[in-house]
C-alpha atoms as a PDB file:
ATOM      1  CA  UNK A   1     -27.992   8.845   7.243  1.00  0.00           C
ATOM      2  CA  UNK A   2     -30.567   6.682   9.028  1.00  0.00           C
ATOM      3  CA  UNK A   3     -28.444   3.521   8.785  1.00  0.00           C
ATOM      4  CA  UNK A   4     -25.401   5.366  10.139  1.00  0.00           C
ATOM      5  CA  UNK A   5     -27.444   6.842  12.988  1.00  0.00           C
ATOM      6  CA  UNK A   6     -28.859   3.414  13.866  1.00  0.00           C
ATOM      7  CA  UNK A   7     -25.385   1.875  13.774  1.00  0.00           C
ATOM      8  CA  UNK A   8     -24.128   4.659  16.081  1.00  0.00           C
ATOM      9  CA  UNK A   9     -26.594   3.539  18.741  1.00  0.00           C
ATOM     10  CA  UNK A  10     -25.281  -0.022  18.482  1.00  0.00           C
ATOM     11  CA  UNK A  11     -21.598   0.929  18.578  1.00  0.00           C
ATOM     12  CA  UNK A  12     -21.282   0.966  22.353  1.00  0.00           C
ATOM     13  CA  UNK A  13     -19.500  -2.336  23.011  1.00  0.00           C
ATOM     14  CA  UNK A  14     -16.319  -3.829  21.606  1.00  0.00           C
ATOM     15  CA  UNK A  15     -18.109  -6.822  20.063  1.00  0.00           C
ATOM     16  CA  UNK A  16     -20.727  -4.578  18.427  1.00  0.00           C
ATOM     17  CA  UNK A  17     -17.996  -2.342  16.981  1.00  0.00           C
ATOM     18  CA  UNK A  18     -16.204  -5.416  15.596  1.00  0.00           C
ATOM     19  CA  UNK A  19     -19.439  -6.590  13.967  1.00  0.00           C
ATOM     20  CA  UNK A  20     -20.155  -3.158  12.484  1.00  0.00           C
ATOM     21  CA  UNK A  21     -16.600  -2.993  11.161  1.00  0.00           C
ATOM     22  CA  UNK A  22     -16.930  -6.471   9.630  1.00  0.00           C
ATOM     23  CA  UNK A  23     -20.164  -5.370   7.950  1.00  0.00           C
ATOM     24  CA  UNK A  24     -18.405  -2.385   6.370  1.00  0.00           C
ATOM     25  CA  UNK A  25     -19.734   0.465   8.492  1.00  0.00           C
ATOM     26  CA  UNK A  26     -16.267   1.849   9.323  1.00  0.00           C
ATOM     27  CA  UNK A  27     -15.472   2.071   5.602  1.00  0.00           C
ATOM     28  CA  UNK A  28     -18.928   3.474   4.817  1.00  0.00           C
ATOM     29  CA  UNK A  29     -18.591   6.255   7.397  1.00  0.00           C
ATOM     30  CA  UNK A  30     -15.005   7.137   6.476  1.00  0.00           C
ATOM     31  CA  UNK A  31     -15.970   7.144   2.803  1.00  0.00           C
ATOM     32  CA  UNK A  32     -18.728   9.641   3.547  1.00  0.00           C
ATOM     33  CA  UNK A  33     -16.178  12.002   5.116  1.00  0.00           C
ATOM     34  CA  UNK A  34     -13.484  11.697   2.478  1.00  0.00           C
ATOM     35  CA  UNK A  35     -15.477  11.387  -0.749  1.00  0.00           C
ATOM     36  CA  UNK A  36     -16.798  14.928  -1.135  1.00  0.00           C
ATOM     37  CA  UNK A  37     -14.504  17.833  -2.086  1.00  0.00           C
ATOM     38  CA  UNK A  38     -13.986  20.429   0.643  1.00  0.00           C
ATOM     39  CA  UNK A  39     -16.204  23.010  -1.052  1.00  0.00           C
ATOM     40  CA  UNK A  40     -19.237  20.745  -1.407  1.00  0.00           C
ATOM     41  CA  UNK A  41     -22.138  21.366   0.940  1.00  0.00           C
ATOM     42  CA  UNK A  42     -22.389  18.512   3.395  1.00  0.00           C
ATOM     43  CA  UNK A  43     -25.574  16.676   4.263  1.00  0.00           C
ATOM     44  CA  UNK A  44     -27.005  15.251   7.463  1.00  0.00           C
ATOM     45  CA  UNK A  45     -25.143  12.081   6.538  1.00  0.00           C
ATOM     46  CA  UNK A  46     -21.874  13.798   7.483  1.00  0.00           C
ATOM     47  CA  UNK A  47     -23.012  14.361  11.074  1.00  0.00           C
ATOM     48  CA  UNK A  48     -24.289  10.787  11.269  1.00  0.00           C
ATOM     49  CA  UNK A  49     -20.983   9.441   9.931  1.00  0.00           C
ATOM     50  CA  UNK A  50     -19.041  11.473  12.490  1.00  0.00           C
ATOM     51  CA  UNK A  51     -21.341  10.212  15.269  1.00  0.00           C
ATOM     52  CA  UNK A  52     -20.830   6.592  14.271  1.00  0.00           C
ATOM     53  CA  UNK A  53     -17.056   7.019  14.060  1.00  0.00           C
ATOM     54  CA  UNK A  54     -17.042   8.799  17.437  1.00  0.00           C
ATOM     55  CA  UNK A  55     -18.720   5.809  19.056  1.00  0.00           C
ATOM     56  CA  UNK A  56     -16.626   3.274  17.153  1.00  0.00           C
ATOM     57  CA  UNK A  57     -13.453   5.078  18.300  1.00  0.00           C
ATOM     58  CA  UNK A  58     -14.179   3.756  21.787  1.00  0.00           C
ATOM     59  CA  UNK A  59     -12.681   0.539  20.446  1.00  0.00           C
ATOM     60  CA  UNK A  60      -8.904   0.744  20.241  1.00  0.00           C
ATOM     61  CA  UNK A  61      -8.833  -1.294  17.023  1.00  0.00           C
ATOM     62  CA  UNK A  62     -11.251   1.093  15.287  1.00  0.00           C
ATOM     63  CA  UNK A  63      -9.475   4.139  16.742  1.00  0.00           C
ATOM     64  CA  UNK A  64      -6.124   2.809  15.498  1.00  0.00           C
ATOM     65  CA  UNK A  65      -7.551   2.308  11.999  1.00  0.00           C
ATOM     66  CA  UNK A  66      -8.906   5.862  11.986  1.00  0.00           C
ATOM     67  CA  UNK A  67      -5.676   7.280  13.422  1.00  0.00           C
ATOM     68  CA  UNK A  68      -3.678   5.715  10.586  1.00  0.00           C
ATOM     69  CA  UNK A  69      -5.919   7.257   7.926  1.00  0.00           C
ATOM     70  CA  UNK A  70      -4.600  10.741   7.215  1.00  0.00           C
ATOM     71  CA  UNK A  71      -7.408  11.494   4.763  1.00  0.00           C
ATOM     72  CA  UNK A  72     -10.013  10.836   7.461  1.00  0.00           C
ATOM     73  CA  UNK A  73      -8.183  12.956  10.036  1.00  0.00           C
ATOM     74  CA  UNK A  74      -7.820  15.785   7.525  1.00  0.00           C
ATOM     75  CA  UNK A  75     -11.536  15.568   6.673  1.00  0.00           C
ATOM     76  CA  UNK A  76     -12.562  15.651  10.350  1.00  0.00           C
ATOM     77  CA  UNK A  77     -10.387  18.691  11.032  1.00  0.00           C
ATOM     78  CA  UNK A  78     -11.641  20.441   7.864  1.00  0.00           C
ATOM     79  CA  UNK A  79     -15.269  19.870   8.863  1.00  0.00           C
ATOM     80  CA  UNK A  80     -14.843  20.951  12.492  1.00  0.00           C
ATOM     81  CA  UNK A  81     -12.707  23.988  11.606  1.00  0.00           C
ATOM     82  CA  UNK A  82     -15.161  25.165   8.935  1.00  0.00           C
ATOM     83  CA  UNK A  83     -18.758  26.006   9.627  1.00  0.00           C
ATOM     84  CA  UNK A  84     -20.045  22.741  11.071  1.00  0.00           C
ATOM     85  CA  UNK A  85     -23.631  21.996  11.894  1.00  0.00           C
ATOM     86  CA  UNK A  86     -24.321  21.292  15.552  1.00  0.00           C
ATOM     87  CA  UNK A  87     -24.156  17.515  14.947  1.00  0.00           C
ATOM     88  CA  UNK A  88     -20.907  17.861  13.008  1.00  0.00           C
ATOM     89  CA  UNK A  89     -19.332  20.020  15.717  1.00  0.00           C
ATOM     90  CA  UNK A  90     -20.366  17.782  18.621  1.00  0.00           C
ATOM     91  CA  UNK A  91     -19.513  14.517  16.903  1.00  0.00           C
ATOM     92  CA  UNK A  92     -16.362  15.804  15.195  1.00  0.00           C
ATOM     93  CA  UNK A  93     -14.857  17.218  18.384  1.00  0.00           C
ATOM     94  CA  UNK A  94     -15.897  14.096  20.293  1.00  0.00           C
ATOM     95  CA  UNK A  95     -14.236  11.935  17.656  1.00  0.00           C
ATOM     96  CA  UNK A  96     -10.983  13.910  17.789  1.00  0.00           C
ATOM     97  CA  UNK A  97     -11.017  13.600  21.578  1.00  0.00           C
ATOM     98  CA  UNK A  98     -11.732   9.862  21.447  1.00  0.00           C
ATOM     99  CA  UNK A  99      -8.865   9.331  19.023  1.00  0.00           C
ATOM    100  CA  UNK A 100      -6.372  10.950  21.386  1.00  0.00           C
ATOM    101  CA  UNK A 101      -7.295   8.819  24.409  1.00  0.00           C
ATOM    102  CA  UNK A 102      -4.890   6.089  25.521  1.00  0.00           C
ATOM    103  CA  UNK A 103      -2.563   6.470  22.525  1.00  0.00           C
ATOM    104  CA  UNK A 104       0.410   8.719  21.930  1.00  0.00           C
ATOM    105  CA  UNK A 105       0.674   7.780  18.241  1.00  0.00           C
ATOM    106  CA  UNK A 106      -2.996   8.639  17.610  1.00  0.00           C
ATOM    107  CA  UNK A 107      -2.565  11.912  19.512  1.00  0.00           C
ATOM    108  CA  UNK A 108       0.428  12.740  17.357  1.00  0.00           C
ATOM    109  CA  UNK A 109      -1.553  11.919  14.188  1.00  0.00           C
ATOM    110  CA  UNK A 110      -4.392  14.227  15.260  1.00  0.00           C
ATOM    111  CA  UNK A 111      -1.930  17.033  15.994  1.00  0.00           C
ATOM    112  CA  UNK A 112      -0.211  16.562  12.608  1.00  0.00           C
ATOM    113  CA  UNK A 113      -3.594  16.862  10.875  1.00  0.00           C
ATOM    114  CA  UNK A 114      -4.191  20.235  12.513  1.00  0.00           C
ATOM    115  CA  UNK A 115      -6.692  18.954  15.057  1.00  0.00           C
ATOM    116  CA  UNK A 116      -4.782  20.152  18.095  1.00  0.00           C
END
């Protein structure tokens, strides 16, 4: 959780997002969201992963990668629609909003996942 939270702070510029993606942080964070079954209690790592992805989604390339991943979109919607912690709610809703900006195909993907 600490590494994801630290990476979130760095993910505020396009070049930083590209570096984090190259170092595997996009895959690490998406893996955290999609690896646990829906009925498993989530940890603070889930909120940190959502926060990192929310910031990384400011980059169109990262947002496009997330928008093409139905499993990630389904996981985000499942978390936000369930009983999210405060961090999960804030970061999950922010991530869904970031994914819909500037892109009709990402907006459509979010709506198809139930995030509308």
